[in-house]
């Protein structure tokens, strides 16, 4: 539910916050993230609710931002290889079956679902091992929400671990293999999505199961 600590947990896993206790493991190995760069270097990419995209840049520039491919003129002078960026961007968008209109020269002109596709394409290109998606459909229309769910499943089909944060239970049951319920900053229930229902999840989200035990 709102205020349960979902986004705070994501920021710990992404290296934005450092935990006071506990342990983070990547591929079974304990890791310590001092910055988001540390997390990204180990293959942990984050797609925040606000997407953290540069609106005045193109789709390709956003995907390669800070890690642009470079060529050298006459073997000496470095310059950004825009041709490579354009080609690889088209290949990435085709891979996730997303169509970005050619007239959309900057990300600012894209719909919410298309912006999500850009963030997901970025994660795929940089060979993320884990993608954290923090309420990725919060501000999207129904059709666009369905597309983001498809993108998340597509990531998983490529062997990427996806942690999908949200409180729309219909959506969560559709996208998730396993579900972890949080309440007041604690993990209170873990289940396979095939073994649960919205009604059961709501009881754990609201703490109703604790009152049942007390009775």
Protein backbone atom coordinates (compact mmCIF):
# COMPACT_ATOMS: atom_id res chain seq x y z
CA UNK A 1 0.00 0.00 0.00
CA UNK A 2 1.04 3.66 -0.12
CA UNK A 3 3.70 4.34 2.50
CA UNK A 4 4.64 0.68 2.96
CA UNK A 5 8.26 1.35 2.00
CA UNK A 6 8.29 0.03 -1.56
CA UNK A 7 10.12 2.94 -3.20
CA UNK A 8 12.52 3.20 -0.27
CA UNK A 9 13.42 -0.46 -0.72
CA UNK A 10 14.05 0.11 -4.43
CA UNK A 11 16.37 3.02 -3.66
CA UNK A 12 18.40 0.81 -1.32
CA UNK A 13 18.70 -1.86 -4.01
CA UNK A 14 19.65 0.81 -6.57
CA UNK A 15 22.45 2.30 -4.46
CA UNK A 16 20.69 5.61 -3.77
CA UNK A 17 20.40 4.82 -0.03
CA UNK A 18 22.74 2.71 2.08
CA UNK A 19 21.01 0.21 4.37
CA UNK A 20 21.37 0.37 8.17
CA UNK A 21 21.17 -3.42 8.42
CA UNK A 22 20.68 -6.50 6.31
CA UNK A 23 22.45 -7.66 3.19
CA UNK A 24 22.14 -7.26 -0.57
CA UNK A 25 23.33 -10.11 -2.77
CA UNK A 26 23.82 -10.21 -6.53
CA UNK A 27 24.12 -13.72 -8.01
CA UNK A 28 24.52 -15.02 -4.46
CA UNK A 29 27.44 -12.75 -3.60
CA UNK A 30 27.16 -10.04 -0.90
CA UNK A 31 27.60 -6.54 -2.36
CA UNK A 32 27.80 -2.99 -1.03
CA UNK A 33 26.49 -0.11 -3.13
CA UNK A 34 27.81 3.32 -2.21
CA UNK A 35 26.35 4.99 -5.29
CA UNK A 36 23.89 4.14 -8.10
CA UNK A 37 26.93 3.73 -10.35
CA UNK A 38 28.08 0.81 -8.18
CA UNK A 39 24.72 -0.89 -8.71
CA UNK A 40 24.75 -0.28 -12.47
CA UNK A 41 28.31 -1.60 -12.76
CA UNK A 42 27.02 -4.92 -11.35
CA UNK A 43 24.09 -5.02 -13.75
CA UNK A 44 21.34 -3.51 -11.58
CA UNK A 45 19.34 -0.95 -13.59
CA UNK A 46 16.45 1.09 -12.20
CA UNK A 47 13.39 2.46 -14.00
CA UNK A 48 11.93 5.05 -11.67
CA UNK A 49 8.33 6.25 -11.68
CA UNK A 50 9.48 9.56 -13.21
CA UNK A 51 11.76 7.58 -15.61
CA UNK A 52 14.72 9.95 -15.11
CA UNK A 53 14.86 10.77 -18.83
CA UNK A 54 16.26 13.95 -20.40
CA UNK A 55 13.22 15.43 -22.16
CA UNK A 56 15.18 17.66 -24.53
CA UNK A 57 17.31 14.81 -25.90
CA UNK A 58 16.47 12.19 -28.51
CA UNK A 59 15.53 8.60 -27.78
CA UNK A 60 18.99 7.37 -28.74
CA UNK A 61 20.75 10.04 -26.69
CA UNK A 62 18.76 8.97 -23.64
CA UNK A 63 19.60 5.31 -24.08
CA UNK A 64 23.33 6.04 -24.40
CA UNK A 65 23.49 9.03 -22.04
CA UNK A 66 26.88 9.11 -20.31
CA UNK A 67 28.04 6.01 -22.21
CA UNK A 68 27.99 7.18 -25.82
CA UNK A 69 29.92 5.17 -28.45
CA UNK A 70 32.90 7.17 -29.67
CA UNK A 71 34.90 7.10 -32.92
CA UNK A 72 38.10 8.97 -33.75
CA UNK A 73 38.54 11.28 -36.69
CA UNK A 74 41.83 10.44 -38.43
CA UNK A 75 42.46 8.15 -35.49
CA UNK A 76 42.97 11.17 -33.21
CA UNK A 77 39.99 13.42 -32.56
CA UNK A 78 37.14 11.70 -30.66
CA UNK A 79 33.50 12.28 -31.62
CA UNK A 80 30.16 10.69 -30.71
CA UNK A 81 29.14 8.02 -33.22
CA UNK A 82 25.56 9.17 -33.88
CA UNK A 83 25.13 6.70 -36.74
CA UNK A 84 25.83 3.78 -34.39
CA UNK A 85 23.46 5.25 -31.79
CA UNK A 86 20.64 5.53 -34.34
CA UNK A 87 21.14 2.01 -35.72
CA UNK A 88 21.36 0.35 -32.31
CA UNK A 89 18.37 2.32 -31.02
CA UNK A 90 16.21 1.07 -33.90
CA UNK A 91 17.35 -2.50 -33.21
CA UNK A 92 16.56 -2.18 -29.51
CA UNK A 93 13.07 -0.78 -30.07
CA UNK A 94 12.36 -3.51 -32.60
CA UNK A 95 13.50 -6.11 -30.07
CA UNK A 96 10.93 -4.96 -27.50
CA UNK A 97 8.32 -4.42 -30.23
CA UNK A 98 7.97 -0.72 -29.59
CA UNK A 99 7.24 1.80 -32.32
CA UNK A 100 8.50 5.34 -31.77
CA UNK A 101 7.22 7.82 -34.39
CA UNK A 102 9.99 9.36 -36.49
CA UNK A 103 8.64 12.86 -35.91
CA UNK A 104 9.25 12.51 -32.16
CA UNK A 105 12.70 14.04 -32.22
CA UNK A 106 12.87 14.42 -28.45
CA UNK A 107 11.64 12.29 -25.58
CA UNK A 108 9.36 15.15 -24.48
CA UNK A 109 7.09 14.36 -27.45
CA UNK A 110 6.54 10.73 -26.46
CA UNK A 111 3.58 9.23 -24.65
CA UNK A 112 4.03 7.71 -21.19
CA UNK A 113 4.16 4.17 -22.58
CA UNK A 114 6.73 5.13 -25.21
CA UNK A 115 8.88 6.78 -22.54
CA UNK A 116 8.76 3.55 -20.55
CA UNK A 117 9.92 1.70 -23.67
CA UNK A 118 12.95 4.01 -23.89
CA UNK A 119 13.90 3.29 -20.28
CA UNK A 120 13.45 -0.45 -20.81
CA UNK A 121 15.50 -0.39 -24.04
CA UNK A 122 18.29 1.33 -22.11
CA UNK A 123 18.27 -1.45 -19.50
CA UNK A 124 18.39 -4.15 -22.19
CA UNK A 125 21.26 -2.53 -24.10
CA UNK A 126 23.44 -2.28 -21.02
CA UNK A 127 22.85 -5.98 -20.35
CA UNK A 128 21.16 -5.54 -17.00
CA UNK A 129 21.01 -8.62 -14.81
CA UNK A 130 18.27 -7.12 -12.66
CA UNK A 131 15.81 -4.35 -13.55
CA UNK A 132 13.99 -2.52 -10.76
CA UNK A 133 10.69 -1.03 -11.97
CA UNK A 134 9.24 1.38 -9.42
CA UNK A 135 5.50 1.81 -10.08
CA UNK A 136 6.12 2.02 -13.84
CA UNK A 137 2.44 2.40 -14.79
CA UNK A 138 1.32 4.91 -12.14
CA UNK A 139 0.57 7.73 -14.60
CA UNK A 140 -0.34 5.72 -17.71
CA UNK A 141 -3.57 4.99 -19.56
CA UNK A 142 -4.95 1.43 -19.54
CA UNK A 143 -3.58 0.46 -22.96
CA UNK A 144 -0.14 1.80 -22.09
CA UNK A 145 -0.17 -0.04 -18.76
CA UNK A 146 -0.75 -3.31 -20.59
CA UNK A 147 2.21 -2.55 -22.87
CA UNK A 148 4.52 -1.93 -19.90
CA UNK A 149 3.46 -5.25 -18.36
CA UNK A 150 4.34 -6.91 -21.68
CA UNK A 151 7.73 -5.18 -21.67
CA UNK A 152 8.40 -6.47 -18.15
CA UNK A 153 7.58 -10.04 -19.17
CA UNK A 154 9.74 -9.58 -22.27
CA UNK A 155 12.69 -8.62 -20.06
CA UNK A 156 12.14 -11.74 -17.98
CA UNK A 157 12.01 -13.90 -21.11
CA UNK A 158 15.54 -12.69 -21.92
CA UNK A 159 16.79 -13.97 -18.55
CA UNK A 160 16.67 -10.61 -16.77
CA UNK A 161 15.47 -10.57 -13.17
CA UNK A 162 12.66 -8.03 -12.78
CA UNK A 163 11.52 -6.51 -9.49
CA UNK A 164 8.22 -4.82 -10.30
CA UNK A 165 6.88 -2.50 -7.62
CA UNK A 166 3.23 -1.47 -7.49
CA UNK A 167 -0.07 -1.59 -5.65
CA UNK A 168 -2.47 -2.33 -8.52
CA UNK A 169 -3.18 -5.94 -7.60
CA UNK A 170 -4.75 -6.88 -10.94
CA UNK A 171 -1.56 -5.73 -12.65
CA UNK A 172 0.74 -7.39 -10.10
CA UNK A 173 -1.01 -10.75 -10.42
CA UNK A 174 -0.71 -10.47 -14.21
CA UNK A 175 3.00 -9.64 -14.33
CA UNK A 176 4.57 -11.42 -11.34
CA UNK A 177 5.78 -14.96 -10.77
CA UNK A 178 6.28 -14.32 -7.04
CA UNK A 179 4.83 -11.61 -4.83
CA UNK A 180 6.25 -10.01 -1.69
CA UNK A 181 3.85 -7.92 0.41
CA UNK A 182 5.20 -5.04 2.50
CA UNK A 183 3.54 -3.41 5.51
CA UNK A 184 5.08 -0.49 7.41
CA UNK A 185 8.54 -1.17 6.01
CA UNK A 186 8.50 -4.92 6.67
CA UNK A 187 8.13 -7.96 4.47
CA UNK A 188 5.01 -9.69 5.80
CA UNK A 189 4.16 -12.26 3.14
CA UNK A 190 5.80 -14.01 0.17
CA UNK A 191 3.83 -16.20 -2.22
CA UNK A 192 3.66 -17.48 -5.77
CA UNK A 193 1.15 -15.44 -7.74
CA UNK A 194 -0.55 -18.66 -8.86
CA UNK A 195 -1.22 -19.54 -5.22
CA UNK A 196 -2.94 -16.35 -4.09
CA UNK A 197 -5.81 -13.95 -4.76
CA UNK A 198 -6.44 -10.22 -4.49
CA UNK A 199 -8.44 -10.81 -1.32
CA UNK A 200 -5.57 -12.64 0.40
CA UNK A 201 -3.05 -9.99 -0.62
CA UNK A 202 -5.27 -7.18 0.68
CA UNK A 203 -5.42 -8.85 4.09
CA UNK A 204 -1.62 -8.84 4.34
CA UNK A 205 -1.36 -5.30 2.94
CA UNK A 206 -3.72 -3.98 5.60
CA UNK A 207 -2.47 -6.12 8.49
CA UNK A 208 -5.86 -7.81 8.76
CA UNK A 209 -4.26 -11.24 9.16
CA UNK A 210 -2.56 -10.08 12.38
CA UNK A 211 -5.91 -9.06 13.87
CA UNK A 212 -7.31 -12.46 12.91
CA UNK A 213 -4.46 -14.21 14.74
CA UNK A 214 -4.96 -12.01 17.81
CA UNK A 215 -8.64 -12.92 17.90
